[in-house]
Amino acid sequence: MKCAIRKWKIEDAARLAELLNNKKIQNNLRDGLPYPYTTKDAEDYITSMLTAEREKTFAFAITADDEVVGSIGVFRCENIHSRTAEMGYYIGEPYWGMGLGTEAVKQICSYIFENTDIIRIFAEPFAYNKASCRVLEKAGFAFEGILKSNAVKNGTVIDMRMYALVRK
């Protein structure tokens, strides 16, 4: 499968809703996503990403053979961290284990470093999400440490892991 990232299209809403309407995916993302996740929720998200400030929000659909299979975004931080950005992503369950996440992470990092002044991209996966940690490692991110008791997810206090990639 050929992996690519591209800007969202409003026509992607039904597919996005289909992928995100999955507790296995939502259990590895930050809170705030409705469940069930509807096409209207997806339309609202896509619209917000397409109208977001261009120098702060870099949000893309992940595609495989031109079909949406996930989402990836890099979000610029503020103040003294304005040249640092946080990355988040997910791949739809039917596409797990195919290397698409790693390829999408590599592509978006190249895009950010080639087209912006951002010098550091970081990600904070839940420590229990071994697959996401592996994606980051395979994409060249350095493990910087464990963030102890850093979040509460589904009522449980959990650790997170800090990974970063710095512009060469």
Protein backbone atom coordinates (compact mmCIF):
# COMPACT_ATOMS: atom_id res chain seq x y z
CA MET A 1 0.00 0.00 0.00
CA LYS A 2 1.26 3.46 -0.90
CA CYS A 3 0.99 5.82 2.07
CA ALA A 4 0.59 9.57 1.66
CA ILE A 5 -0.58 12.55 3.66
CA ARG A 6 -2.86 15.21 2.20
CA LYS A 7 -5.09 18.06 3.33
CA TRP A 8 -8.51 17.04 4.57
CA LYS A 9 -11.53 17.32 2.28
CA ILE A 10 -15.08 17.69 3.59
CA GLU A 11 -15.92 14.59 1.51
CA ASP A 12 -13.72 12.60 3.92
CA ALA A 13 -16.20 13.04 6.78
CA ALA A 14 -18.05 9.72 6.47
CA ARG A 15 -14.79 7.77 6.29
CA LEU A 16 -13.32 9.70 9.23
CA ALA A 17 -16.43 8.96 11.30
CA GLU A 18 -16.20 5.28 10.41
CA LEU A 19 -12.56 5.06 11.54
CA LEU A 20 -12.95 7.09 14.75
CA ASN A 21 -16.13 5.37 15.88
CA ASN A 22 -13.92 2.74 17.55
CA LYS A 23 -13.20 2.56 21.29
CA LYS A 24 -9.83 0.86 20.66
CA ILE A 25 -8.68 3.98 18.84
CA GLN A 26 -10.31 6.46 21.20
CA ASN A 27 -8.70 4.72 24.20
CA ASN A 28 -5.31 5.80 22.82
CA LEU A 29 -6.26 9.42 22.10
CA ARG A 30 -6.82 12.41 24.34
CA ASP A 31 -10.30 12.96 25.73
CA GLY A 32 -12.80 15.25 24.07
CA LEU A 33 -13.88 13.12 21.13
CA PRO A 34 -17.55 12.17 21.23
CA TYR A 35 -18.54 8.53 21.18
CA PRO A 36 -20.24 7.50 19.06
CA TYR A 37 -18.37 9.68 16.57
CA THR A 38 -20.76 10.87 13.88
CA THR A 39 -20.36 12.20 10.36
CA LYS A 40 -21.37 15.63 11.70
CA ASP A 41 -18.55 15.41 14.28
CA ALA A 42 -16.16 14.59 11.43
CA GLU A 43 -17.44 17.47 9.30
CA ASP A 44 -16.93 19.87 12.22
CA TYR A 45 -13.38 18.59 12.78
CA ILE A 46 -12.44 18.81 9.10
CA THR A 47 -13.87 22.32 8.83
CA SER A 48 -11.92 23.44 11.90
CA MET A 49 -8.70 21.99 10.50
CA LEU A 50 -9.22 23.61 7.09
CA THR A 51 -9.88 27.02 8.66
CA ALA A 52 -7.19 26.84 11.37
CA GLU A 53 -4.29 29.27 11.43
CA ARG A 54 -1.88 28.03 8.75
CA GLU A 55 1.32 28.65 10.72
CA LYS A 56 0.06 26.88 13.84
CA THR A 57 -1.98 23.86 12.72
CA PHE A 58 -0.77 21.30 10.19
CA ALA A 59 -3.47 18.64 9.91
CA PHE A 60 -3.59 15.93 7.28
CA ALA A 61 -5.50 12.84 6.32
CA ILE A 62 -3.35 9.71 6.09
CA THR A 63 -4.16 7.77 2.95
CA ALA A 64 -3.23 4.37 1.60
CA ASP A 65 -3.88 3.81 -2.07
CA ASP A 66 -5.93 7.06 -2.01
CA GLU A 67 -8.28 5.85 0.77
CA VAL A 68 -8.33 7.67 4.13
CA VAL A 69 -6.89 5.34 6.79
CA GLY A 70 -6.07 7.77 9.59
CA SER A 71 -5.21 11.26 10.72
CA ILE A 72 -2.03 13.12 11.66
CA GLY A 73 -1.39 16.62 12.87
CA VAL A 74 1.39 18.85 14.15
CA PHE A 75 0.41 21.77 16.36
CA ARG A 76 2.76 24.66 17.09
CA CYS A 77 3.26 25.57 20.74
CA GLU A 78 3.34 29.16 21.99
CA ASN A 79 5.52 31.75 23.66
CA ILE A 80 9.10 30.53 24.26
CA HIS A 81 8.09 27.20 22.73
CA SER A 82 6.89 28.73 19.46
CA ARG A 83 9.45 26.76 17.43
CA THR A 84 8.33 23.50 19.04
CA ALA A 85 5.26 21.53 18.00
CA GLU A 86 3.29 18.58 19.31
CA MET A 87 2.30 15.74 17.00
CA GLY A 88 -0.68 13.42 17.27
CA TYR A 89 -1.90 10.67 14.96
CA TYR A 90 -3.88 7.48 14.64
CA ILE A 91 -4.39 4.74 12.09
CA GLY A 92 -7.74 2.97 11.62
CA GLU A 93 -7.77 -0.49 13.17
CA PRO A 94 -8.01 -2.42 9.86
CA TYR A 95 -4.65 -0.88 8.90
CA TRP A 96 -2.66 -1.54 12.08
CA GLY A 97 0.71 -3.22 11.66
CA MET A 98 1.23 -2.21 8.02
CA GLY A 99 3.83 0.50 8.60
CA LEU A 100 1.46 3.30 7.58
CA GLY A 101 1.84 5.19 10.85
CA THR A 102 5.62 5.24 10.60
CA GLU A 103 5.50 6.39 7.00
CA ALA A 104 2.97 9.15 7.78
CA VAL A 105 5.07 10.39 10.72
CA LYS A 106 8.16 10.54 8.50
CA GLN A 107 6.25 12.43 5.81
CA ILE A 108 4.74 15.04 8.11
CA CYS A 109 8.05 15.64 9.90
CA SER A 110 9.78 16.20 6.55
CA TYR A 111 7.01 18.57 5.54
CA ILE A 112 7.26 20.55 8.80
CA PHE A 113 11.05 20.82 8.75
CA GLU A 114 11.11 21.81 5.06
CA ASN A 115 8.24 24.33 5.20
CA THR A 116 8.31 25.97 8.63
CA ASP A 117 10.74 27.32 11.20
CA ILE A 118 9.80 24.61 13.72
CA ILE A 119 12.93 22.95 15.13
CA ARG A 120 11.45 20.30 17.46
CA ILE A 121 8.47 17.98 17.11
CA PHE A 122 7.40 15.94 20.12
CA ALA A 123 4.79 13.30 20.86
CA GLU A 124 3.52 11.95 24.18
CA PRO A 125 1.92 8.53 23.69
CA PHE A 126 0.44 6.70 26.65
CA ALA A 127 3.13 4.40 28.05
CA TYR A 128 0.89 1.36 27.49
CA ASN A 129 0.56 2.12 23.78
CA LYS A 130 3.56 0.11 22.63
CA ALA A 131 2.56 0.26 18.97
CA SER A 132 2.58 4.07 18.95
CA CYS A 133 5.93 4.15 20.76
CA ARG A 134 7.33 1.81 18.13
CA VAL A 135 6.02 4.02 15.30
CA LEU A 136 7.92 6.98 16.75
CA GLU A 137 11.11 4.99 17.28
CA LYS A 138 11.03 3.64 13.72
CA ALA A 139 10.48 7.20 12.44
CA GLY A 140 13.67 8.37 14.15
CA PHE A 141 12.26 9.98 17.29
CA ALA A 142 14.40 9.86 20.43
CA PHE A 143 12.88 8.60 23.67
CA GLU A 144 13.43 11.37 26.21
CA GLY A 145 11.80 9.90 29.30
CA ILE A 146 8.73 8.75 31.16
CA LEU A 147 6.22 11.32 32.33
CA LYS A 148 5.03 9.70 35.57
CA SER A 149 1.33 9.94 36.45
CA ASN A 150 0.93 12.46 33.65
CA ALA A 151 -2.68 11.82 32.62
CA VAL A 152 -5.98 10.33 33.66
CA LYS A 153 -7.53 8.19 30.93
CA ASN A 154 -10.74 6.24 31.45
CA GLY A 155 -10.51 6.94 35.18
CA THR A 156 -6.98 5.56 35.55
CA VAL A 157 -3.83 7.58 36.30
CA ILE A 158 -1.28 6.68 33.64
CA ASP A 159 2.27 7.37 32.58
CA MET A 160 3.17 8.83 29.22
CA ARG A 161 6.38 8.64 27.24
CA MET A 162 8.11 11.65 25.72
CA TYR A 163 9.59 11.33 22.24
CA ALA A 164 11.09 14.09 20.13
CA LEU A 165 12.64 14.69 16.74
CA VAL A 166 14.89 17.73 16.32
CA ARG A 167 15.66 19.39 13.00
CA LYS A 168 19.16 18.46 11.84
